[in-house]
Amino acid sequence: MRTAIFGMILFASASFAPATTFEARSAHHVMTIDVQPLSGDDVDYNVRVTSLESNAVLLSQHVTRKIGFPADLSNDVGDLHVVVHLSPGKQALSANLEIEQGELLVDSIRIGWILAPRHAHVHAPGAMRVGGDVRAPIVMHRVEPQYTEKARKDRVSGVVIVEVLIDKTGIVREAVVLEELPDGLSGSAVAAVKQWVFQPGTFSGQPVDVIFNLVINFKIDTPPADR
C-alpha cells in the first residue's frame, strides 16, 4: 500500500498580460491555455489538449473563474479520458493534465507559470529561461524523492520548490531550494532531482542551458478505514 504521493510541477517565469497564451508539452501531447483577464478577479480560460502524434484535439473547453478558485475540465475521446485541473492565483497559474485509458495513466503534465518576476538563485552565466523561442525541457527519467520517517510520522505535506540548471545535454548541474519543507524533505527533493534526466530545453531548435523551477509535491495518503 502506498503511503505517499509525489508529484512534480515544472515552473517557468511568465507575464500575465491580457490575452496571454501558455503552453506545456510532454513527449506525446501539448496543452495550451489562452488567458483573458476580465473585470475584477474574473478570468477567462480556453484550454486545449492536442495529440502530437495525430494532431487530434482531445479537449477544447472554456471556463471563467475568479483568481484563487480552481476548475476541473474533462472530456472523453474514444477510450481516452482527459482531465485538466486549473489552479489560478495572483502569483502563479498551475495546471495538471492527466490522460487515462481505462485504469492506465498514459500521460500527464504538471506545470505552473510564475507570474511575478523572480531573481535567479542558480549561478549560471549564459543560461536561459523558458519563454518565447526557448522551449522547456522534458523529463525523460525521474527518481522519486524519499519521504523521511520523521516527516511521515509528523504527517508533513506541501511543496518544495527547487531551482535547477539543466544543461544542453539534459543533466541537472545545479539545484537550489527556494521554498523548503521540514524534517529532511527539502534535502530529499534535491537529492532526487539531481538524478533526473531531461530532453534538454531548446532555443530556436538548438539545445541550450536553461534555468527551471521544479516543484516537488509531498502528500501523505489518508490511510483506509479499518474494516
Protein backbone atom coordinates (compact mmCIF):
# COMPACT_ATOMS: atom_id res chain seq x y z
CA MET A 1 0.00 0.00 0.00
CA ARG A 2 1.41 3.39 -0.92
CA THR A 3 1.63 5.87 1.91
CA ALA A 4 2.84 8.86 -0.05
CA ILE A 5 2.19 10.54 -3.36
CA PHE A 6 4.87 12.55 -5.14
CA GLY A 7 4.10 14.98 -7.91
CA MET A 8 6.19 17.29 -10.00
CA ILE A 9 5.35 20.68 -11.43
CA LEU A 10 7.60 22.46 -13.86
CA PHE A 11 7.52 26.21 -13.24
CA ALA A 12 8.50 28.82 -15.77
CA SER A 13 8.53 32.59 -15.50
CA ALA A 14 5.79 34.39 -17.41
CA SER A 15 3.90 37.63 -17.58
CA PHE A 16 0.15 37.70 -17.02
CA ALA A 17 -0.99 40.30 -19.56
CA PRO A 18 -4.34 40.33 -21.38
CA ALA A 19 -4.76 37.59 -24.00
CA THR A 20 -1.74 35.63 -22.77
CA THR A 21 -1.14 32.12 -24.12
CA PHE A 22 0.64 29.49 -22.02
CA GLU A 23 1.87 26.17 -23.41
CA ALA A 24 3.29 22.96 -21.97
CA ARG A 25 4.39 19.76 -23.71
CA SER A 26 5.16 16.18 -22.92
CA ALA A 27 6.64 13.78 -25.46
CA HIS A 28 3.12 12.97 -26.73
CA HIS A 29 0.75 15.86 -26.00
CA VAL A 30 0.61 19.64 -25.86
CA MET A 31 -1.61 21.66 -23.51
CA THR A 32 -2.38 25.27 -24.44
CA ILE A 33 -4.15 27.73 -22.16
CA ASP A 34 -5.39 31.08 -23.52
CA VAL A 35 -5.95 33.51 -20.64
CA GLN A 36 -8.06 36.69 -20.84
CA PRO A 37 -8.45 38.76 -17.66
CA LEU A 38 -11.90 40.28 -17.27
CA SER A 39 -13.20 42.85 -14.80
CA GLY A 40 -12.36 42.38 -11.15
CA ASP A 41 -10.80 38.99 -10.39
CA ASP A 42 -12.66 37.14 -13.18
CA VAL A 43 -10.50 35.44 -15.80
CA ASP A 44 -11.43 33.52 -18.97
CA TYR A 45 -9.51 30.32 -19.70
CA ASN A 46 -9.61 28.48 -23.03
CA VAL A 47 -7.91 25.12 -22.61
CA ARG A 48 -6.86 22.78 -25.44
CA VAL A 49 -5.11 19.43 -25.33
CA THR A 50 -3.76 18.10 -28.61
CA SER A 51 -2.04 14.85 -29.54
CA LEU A 52 1.39 15.47 -31.04
CA GLU A 53 1.20 12.13 -32.84
CA SER A 54 -2.17 12.54 -34.62
CA ASN A 55 -2.84 16.30 -34.22
CA ALA A 56 -6.26 15.30 -32.84
CA VAL A 57 -7.80 17.74 -30.34
CA LEU A 58 -8.58 15.72 -27.20
CA LEU A 59 -10.05 18.58 -25.18
CA SER A 60 -11.15 22.12 -26.05
CA GLN A 61 -13.13 23.89 -23.35
CA HIS A 62 -13.76 27.35 -21.95
CA VAL A 63 -14.26 28.31 -18.33
CA THR A 64 -14.45 31.55 -16.35
CA ARG A 65 -13.10 31.61 -12.81
CA LYS A 66 -12.15 34.14 -10.17
CA ILE A 67 -8.48 34.16 -9.21
CA GLY A 68 -7.97 31.63 -6.44
CA PHE A 69 -10.86 29.36 -7.49
CA PRO A 70 -9.77 26.10 -9.20
CA ALA A 71 -11.51 24.49 -12.16
CA ASP A 72 -11.74 20.91 -13.43
CA LEU A 73 -12.26 20.23 -17.15
CA SER A 74 -12.72 16.79 -18.69
CA ASN A 75 -13.52 15.10 -21.97
CA ASP A 76 -13.75 11.56 -23.34
CA VAL A 77 -12.34 10.72 -26.76
CA GLY A 78 -12.83 7.07 -27.65
CA ASP A 79 -11.32 5.11 -24.77
CA LEU A 80 -9.29 8.10 -23.53
CA HIS A 81 -10.40 10.16 -20.53
CA VAL A 82 -8.78 13.61 -20.44
CA VAL A 83 -8.80 15.75 -17.28
CA VAL A 84 -7.27 19.21 -16.72
CA HIS A 85 -7.20 20.76 -13.25
CA LEU A 86 -6.51 24.52 -13.23
CA SER A 87 -5.30 26.38 -10.13
CA PRO A 88 -5.25 30.12 -10.88
CA GLY A 89 -3.58 32.52 -8.47
CA LYS A 90 -2.30 36.07 -8.43
CA GLN A 91 1.33 34.96 -8.33
CA ALA A 92 1.14 31.77 -10.38
CA LEU A 93 -1.04 29.68 -12.67
CA SER A 94 -0.69 25.91 -12.46
CA ALA A 95 -2.31 23.14 -14.48
CA ASN A 96 -2.41 19.37 -14.11
CA LEU A 97 -3.22 17.27 -17.17
CA GLU A 98 -3.92 13.55 -16.92
CA ILE A 99 -4.87 11.25 -19.79
CA GLU A 100 -6.21 7.84 -18.85
CA GLN A 101 -7.00 4.80 -20.95
CA GLY A 102 -9.20 2.61 -18.80
CA GLU A 103 -7.36 2.39 -15.49
CA LEU A 104 -3.98 3.15 -17.11
CA LEU A 105 -2.47 6.64 -16.85
CA VAL A 106 -0.93 7.06 -20.31
CA ASP A 107 0.38 10.62 -19.96
CA SER A 108 0.47 13.53 -17.53
CA ILE A 109 1.75 17.09 -17.45
CA ARG A 110 2.08 19.15 -14.28
CA ILE A 111 3.17 22.69 -14.94
CA GLY A 112 2.99 26.12 -13.43
CA TRP A 113 3.83 29.58 -14.62
CA ILE A 114 5.19 32.04 -12.07
CA LEU A 115 3.60 35.36 -12.93
CA ALA A 116 5.68 37.59 -10.64
CA PRO A 117 9.32 38.33 -11.52
CA ARG A 118 11.90 36.13 -9.79
CA HIS A 119 15.63 36.61 -9.33
CA ALA A 120 17.86 33.73 -10.35
CA HIS A 121 19.39 31.84 -7.44
CA VAL A 122 21.41 29.42 -9.56
CA HIS A 123 24.76 30.80 -10.76
CA ALA A 124 24.63 30.08 -14.48
CA PRO A 125 26.05 32.73 -16.81
CA GLY A 126 24.56 32.35 -20.28
CA ALA A 127 21.73 30.06 -19.18
CA MET A 128 18.27 30.97 -20.49
CA ARG A 129 14.78 30.92 -19.03
CA VAL A 130 11.82 29.30 -20.77
CA GLY A 131 9.60 31.57 -22.84
CA GLY A 132 9.29 32.77 -26.42
CA ASP A 133 11.60 30.66 -28.60
CA VAL A 134 13.10 28.95 -25.53
CA ARG A 135 11.32 25.60 -25.15
CA ALA A 136 11.00 23.84 -21.81
CA PRO A 137 12.98 20.68 -21.08
CA ILE A 138 11.03 17.42 -20.83
CA VAL A 139 11.60 14.87 -18.07
CA MET A 140 12.79 11.56 -19.53
CA HIS A 141 13.95 9.81 -16.34
CA ARG A 142 12.60 10.66 -12.90
CA VAL A 143 13.72 9.50 -9.46
CA GLU A 144 11.05 9.90 -6.79
CA PRO A 145 12.10 11.63 -3.56
CA GLN A 146 12.01 9.61 -0.38
CA TYR A 147 9.60 10.50 2.40
CA THR A 148 11.67 10.62 5.58
CA GLU A 149 10.44 8.67 8.58
CA LYS A 150 10.19 11.82 10.70
CA ALA A 151 8.17 13.64 8.02
CA ARG A 152 5.85 10.65 7.71
CA LYS A 153 5.46 10.46 11.48
CA ASP A 154 4.75 14.20 11.68
CA ARG A 155 2.46 13.92 8.60
CA VAL A 156 4.26 16.78 6.86
CA SER A 157 2.91 17.64 3.42
CA GLY A 158 3.36 20.50 0.99
CA VAL A 159 5.77 21.52 -1.76
CA VAL A 160 9.49 22.04 -2.13
CA ILE A 161 10.46 24.46 -4.90
CA VAL A 162 13.88 23.73 -6.38
CA GLU A 163 15.56 25.98 -8.93
CA VAL A 164 17.77 23.91 -11.23
CA LEU A 165 20.24 24.40 -14.03
CA ILE A 166 19.58 21.86 -16.77
CA ASP A 167 22.43 21.82 -19.26
CA LYS A 168 22.21 21.29 -23.01
CA THR A 169 22.69 17.52 -22.56
CA GLY A 170 19.66 17.30 -20.23
CA ILE A 171 21.63 16.81 -17.00
CA VAL A 172 20.84 18.74 -13.79
CA ARG A 173 24.05 20.63 -12.93
CA GLU A 174 22.88 22.78 -10.00
CA ALA A 175 19.92 22.73 -7.63
CA VAL A 176 18.95 25.38 -5.06
CA VAL A 177 15.94 25.17 -2.72
CA LEU A 178 13.70 28.24 -2.98
CA GLU A 179 10.89 27.00 -0.73
CA GLU A 180 11.52 24.45 2.00
CA LEU A 181 9.73 21.74 3.95
CA PRO A 182 10.95 20.47 7.34
CA ASP A 183 12.06 17.03 8.51
CA GLY A 184 14.54 16.45 5.70
CA LEU A 185 12.08 16.72 2.80
CA SER A 186 13.95 19.60 1.17
CA GLY A 187 17.14 17.56 1.07
CA SER A 188 15.21 14.57 -0.22
CA ALA A 189 13.78 16.67 -3.05
CA VAL A 190 17.21 17.98 -4.08
CA ALA A 191 18.78 14.52 -3.94
CA ALA A 192 16.05 13.19 -6.23
CA VAL A 193 16.02 15.95 -8.86
CA LYS A 194 19.80 15.83 -9.21
CA GLN A 195 19.27 12.33 -10.63
CA TRP A 196 16.63 13.37 -13.16
CA VAL A 197 17.45 13.33 -16.85
CA PHE A 198 15.74 15.63 -19.33
CA GLN A 199 15.32 16.10 -23.01
CA PRO A 200 17.11 19.47 -22.99
CA GLY A 201 15.49 22.83 -23.43
CA THR A 202 15.98 24.43 -26.82
CA PHE A 203 16.34 27.89 -28.31
CA SER A 204 15.28 28.12 -31.96
CA GLY A 205 15.52 24.33 -32.09
CA GLN A 206 19.05 24.05 -30.63
CA PRO A 207 19.80 22.59 -27.16
CA VAL A 208 20.71 25.23 -24.56
CA ASP A 209 21.37 25.50 -20.83
CA VAL A 210 18.17 26.55 -19.05
CA ILE A 211 17.21 27.60 -15.53
CA PHE A 212 13.97 25.97 -14.48
CA ASN A 213 11.92 25.67 -11.30
CA LEU A 214 10.74 22.24 -10.22
CA VAL A 215 8.01 22.00 -7.61
CA ILE A 216 8.02 18.69 -5.75
CA ASN A 217 4.73 17.88 -4.06
CA PHE A 218 4.80 15.75 -0.90
CA LYS A 219 1.45 14.40 0.21
CA ILE A 220 0.59 11.72 2.75
CA ASP A 221 -2.19 9.39 1.67
CA THR A 222 -5.11 9.12 4.07
CA PRO A 223 -5.00 5.56 5.42
CA PRO A 224 -8.05 3.45 4.62
CA ALA A 225 -10.56 2.87 7.41
CA ASP A 226 -10.35 -0.48 9.20
CA ARG A 227 -12.94 -2.98 8.12
